[in-house]
Amino acid sequence: MREKALLVTVMILLFLFLNQKGEANKASEPLEYRPTTYLKLQDIRDSLAKEYRNLRDEIVNGYIQHKLQTSYEALKLKREKRKSSKHEEPPNR
């Protein structure tokens, strides 16, 4: 009996609180048109994931480009050394 009285009291206080805020008298909108916190958070998460993928791709592509450039320069130096060493050494016959 005591639990029921406590429950009724809490419900009355909640009803009064909602009436003060004006929430109880609002017409409810269809759920599909009302943006919820979950949908907003999901949009934020999706946009952050997209930005992360773009940044990751830029970093990976930059790293690969740097490695290719370094390898190309090293190969170019080797070729120059070979050409210069071929001109300096007389042929062995």
C-alpha atoms as a PDB file:
ATOM      1  CA  MET A   1       0.000   0.000   0.000  1.00  0.00           C
ATOM      2  CA  ARG A   2       2.837   2.335   0.858  1.00  0.00           C
ATOM      3  CA  GLU A   3       4.564   1.621  -2.473  1.00  0.00           C
ATOM      4  CA  LYS A   4       1.412   2.469  -4.432  1.00  0.00           C
ATOM      5  CA  ALA A   5       1.038   5.771  -2.579  1.00  0.00           C
ATOM      6  CA  LEU A   6       4.670   6.622  -3.320  1.00  0.00           C
ATOM      7  CA  LEU A   7       4.202   5.726  -6.997  1.00  0.00           C
ATOM      8  CA  VAL A   8       1.065   7.887  -7.276  1.00  0.00           C
ATOM      9  CA  THR A   9       2.871  10.783  -5.590  1.00  0.00           C
ATOM     10  CA  VAL A  10       5.800  10.514  -7.985  1.00  0.00           C
ATOM     11  CA  MET A  11       3.467  10.382 -10.986  1.00  0.00           C
ATOM     12  CA  ILE A  12       1.584  13.476  -9.804  1.00  0.00           C
ATOM     13  CA  LEU A  13       4.834  15.374  -9.283  1.00  0.00           C
ATOM     14  CA  LEU A  14       6.054  14.309 -12.708  1.00  0.00           C
ATOM     15  CA  PHE A  15       2.787  15.407 -14.304  1.00  0.00           C
ATOM     16  CA  LEU A  16       2.991  18.799 -12.582  1.00  0.00           C
ATOM     17  CA  PHE A  17       6.614  19.201 -13.604  1.00  0.00           C
ATOM     18  CA  LEU A  18       5.813  18.416 -17.235  1.00  0.00           C
ATOM     19  CA  ASN A  19       2.887  20.826 -17.225  1.00  0.00           C
ATOM     20  CA  GLN A  20       5.154  23.574 -15.943  1.00  0.00           C
ATOM     21  CA  LYS A  21       7.622  22.924 -18.743  1.00  0.00           C
ATOM     22  CA  GLY A  22       4.827  22.739 -21.302  1.00  0.00           C
ATOM     23  CA  GLU A  23       5.897  19.286 -22.439  1.00  0.00           C
ATOM     24  CA  ALA A  24       2.660  17.528 -21.485  1.00  0.00           C
ATOM     25  CA  ASN A  25       0.495  19.781 -23.671  1.00  0.00           C
ATOM     26  CA  LYS A  26       2.605  19.546 -26.839  1.00  0.00           C
ATOM     27  CA  ALA A  27       1.223  17.628 -29.753  1.00  0.00           C
ATOM     28  CA  SER A  28       3.468  14.734 -30.505  1.00  0.00           C
ATOM     29  CA  GLU A  29       5.155  14.758 -33.907  1.00  0.00           C
ATOM     30  CA  PRO A  30       5.637  11.623 -35.951  1.00  0.00           C
ATOM     31  CA  LEU A  31       8.856   9.923 -34.946  1.00  0.00           C
ATOM     32  CA  GLU A  32      10.258   9.874 -38.465  1.00  0.00           C
ATOM     33  CA  TYR A  33      10.179  13.676 -38.737  1.00  0.00           C
ATOM     34  CA  ARG A  34      11.420  14.518 -35.264  1.00  0.00           C
ATOM     35  CA  PRO A  35      15.219  14.608 -35.024  1.00  0.00           C
ATOM     36  CA  THR A  36      16.277  12.693 -31.983  1.00  0.00           C
ATOM     37  CA  THR A  37      19.497  12.865 -30.079  1.00  0.00           C
ATOM     38  CA  TYR A  38      20.414   9.428 -31.386  1.00  0.00           C
ATOM     39  CA  LEU A  39      20.024  10.508 -35.014  1.00  0.00           C
ATOM     40  CA  LYS A  40      22.041  13.659 -34.393  1.00  0.00           C
ATOM     41  CA  LEU A  41      24.804  11.647 -32.730  1.00  0.00           C
ATOM     42  CA  GLN A  42      24.726   9.131 -35.562  1.00  0.00           C
ATOM     43  CA  ASP A  43      25.138  11.936 -38.126  1.00  0.00           C
ATOM     44  CA  ILE A  44      28.044  13.371 -36.140  1.00  0.00           C
ATOM     45  CA  ARG A  45      29.646   9.926 -35.890  1.00  0.00           C
ATOM     46  CA  ASP A  46      29.253   9.348 -39.619  1.00  0.00           C
ATOM     47  CA  SER A  47      30.759  12.720 -40.510  1.00  0.00           C
ATOM     48  CA  LEU A  48      33.685  12.144 -38.135  1.00  0.00           C
ATOM     49  CA  ALA A  49      34.253   8.695 -39.629  1.00  0.00           C
ATOM     50  CA  LYS A  50      34.265  10.206 -43.121  1.00  0.00           C
ATOM     51  CA  GLU A  51      36.747  12.905 -42.078  1.00  0.00           C
ATOM     52  CA  TYR A  52      38.922  10.249 -40.421  1.00  0.00           C
ATOM     53  CA  ARG A  53      38.951   8.129 -43.587  1.00  0.00           C
ATOM     54  CA  ASN A  54      39.871  11.165 -45.691  1.00  0.00           C
ATOM     55  CA  LEU A  55      42.708  12.142 -43.351  1.00  0.00           C
ATOM     56  CA  ARG A  56      43.940   8.553 -43.170  1.00  0.00           C
ATOM     57  CA  ASP A  57      43.945   8.332 -46.958  1.00  0.00           C
ATOM     58  CA  GLU A  58      45.868  11.609 -47.203  1.00  0.00           C
ATOM     59  CA  ILE A  59      48.445  10.391 -44.689  1.00  0.00           C
ATOM     60  CA  VAL A  60      48.830   6.988 -46.332  1.00  0.00           C
ATOM     61  CA  ASN A  61      49.066   8.514 -49.801  1.00  0.00           C
ATOM     62  CA  GLY A  62      51.587  11.070 -48.542  1.00  0.00           C
ATOM     63  CA  TYR A  63      53.676   8.319 -46.948  1.00  0.00           C
ATOM     64  CA  ILE A  64      53.593   6.219 -50.115  1.00  0.00           C
ATOM     65  CA  GLN A  65      54.460   9.250 -52.220  1.00  0.00           C
ATOM     66  CA  HIS A  66      57.392  10.051 -49.916  1.00  0.00           C
ATOM     67  CA  LYS A  67      58.680   6.458 -50.079  1.00  0.00           C
ATOM     68  CA  LEU A  68      58.380   6.413 -53.872  1.00  0.00           C
ATOM     69  CA  GLN A  69      60.170   9.746 -54.155  1.00  0.00           C
ATOM     70  CA  THR A  70      62.963   8.527 -51.866  1.00  0.00           C
ATOM     71  CA  SER A  71      63.305   5.269 -53.810  1.00  0.00           C
ATOM     72  CA  TYR A  72      63.337   7.145 -57.101  1.00  0.00           C
ATOM     73  CA  GLU A  73      66.071   9.497 -55.888  1.00  0.00           C
ATOM     74  CA  ALA A  74      68.155   6.557 -54.600  1.00  0.00           C
ATOM     75  CA  LEU A  75      67.761   4.743 -57.927  1.00  0.00           C
ATOM     76  CA  LYS A  76      68.722   7.896 -59.790  1.00  0.00           C
ATOM     77  CA  LEU A  77      71.889   8.234 -57.689  1.00  0.00           C
ATOM     78  CA  LYS A  78      72.809   4.580 -58.347  1.00  0.00           C
ATOM     79  CA  ARG A  79      72.411   5.083 -62.085  1.00  0.00           C
ATOM     80  CA  GLU A  80      74.563   8.199 -61.995  1.00  0.00           C
ATOM     81  CA  LYS A  81      77.264   6.329 -60.060  1.00  0.00           C
ATOM     82  CA  ARG A  82      77.188   3.460 -62.559  1.00  0.00           C
ATOM     83  CA  LYS A  83      77.483   5.829 -65.496  1.00  0.00           C
ATOM     84  CA  SER A  84      80.351   7.716 -63.908  1.00  0.00           C
ATOM     85  CA  SER A  85      82.165   4.494 -62.923  1.00  0.00           C
ATOM     86  CA  LYS A  86      81.797   3.068 -66.445  1.00  0.00           C
ATOM     87  CA  HIS A  87      83.421   6.144 -67.965  1.00  0.00           C
ATOM     88  CA  GLU A  88      86.318   6.138 -65.509  1.00  0.00           C
ATOM     89  CA  GLU A  89      87.305   2.431 -65.657  1.00  0.00           C
ATOM     90  CA  PRO A  90      89.029   1.119 -68.758  1.00  0.00           C
ATOM     91  CA  PRO A  91      87.602  -2.079 -70.143  1.00  0.00           C
ATOM     92  CA  ASN A  92      89.291  -5.255 -68.872  1.00  0.00           C
ATOM     93  CA  ARG A  93      90.396  -7.417 -71.817  1.00  0.00           C
END
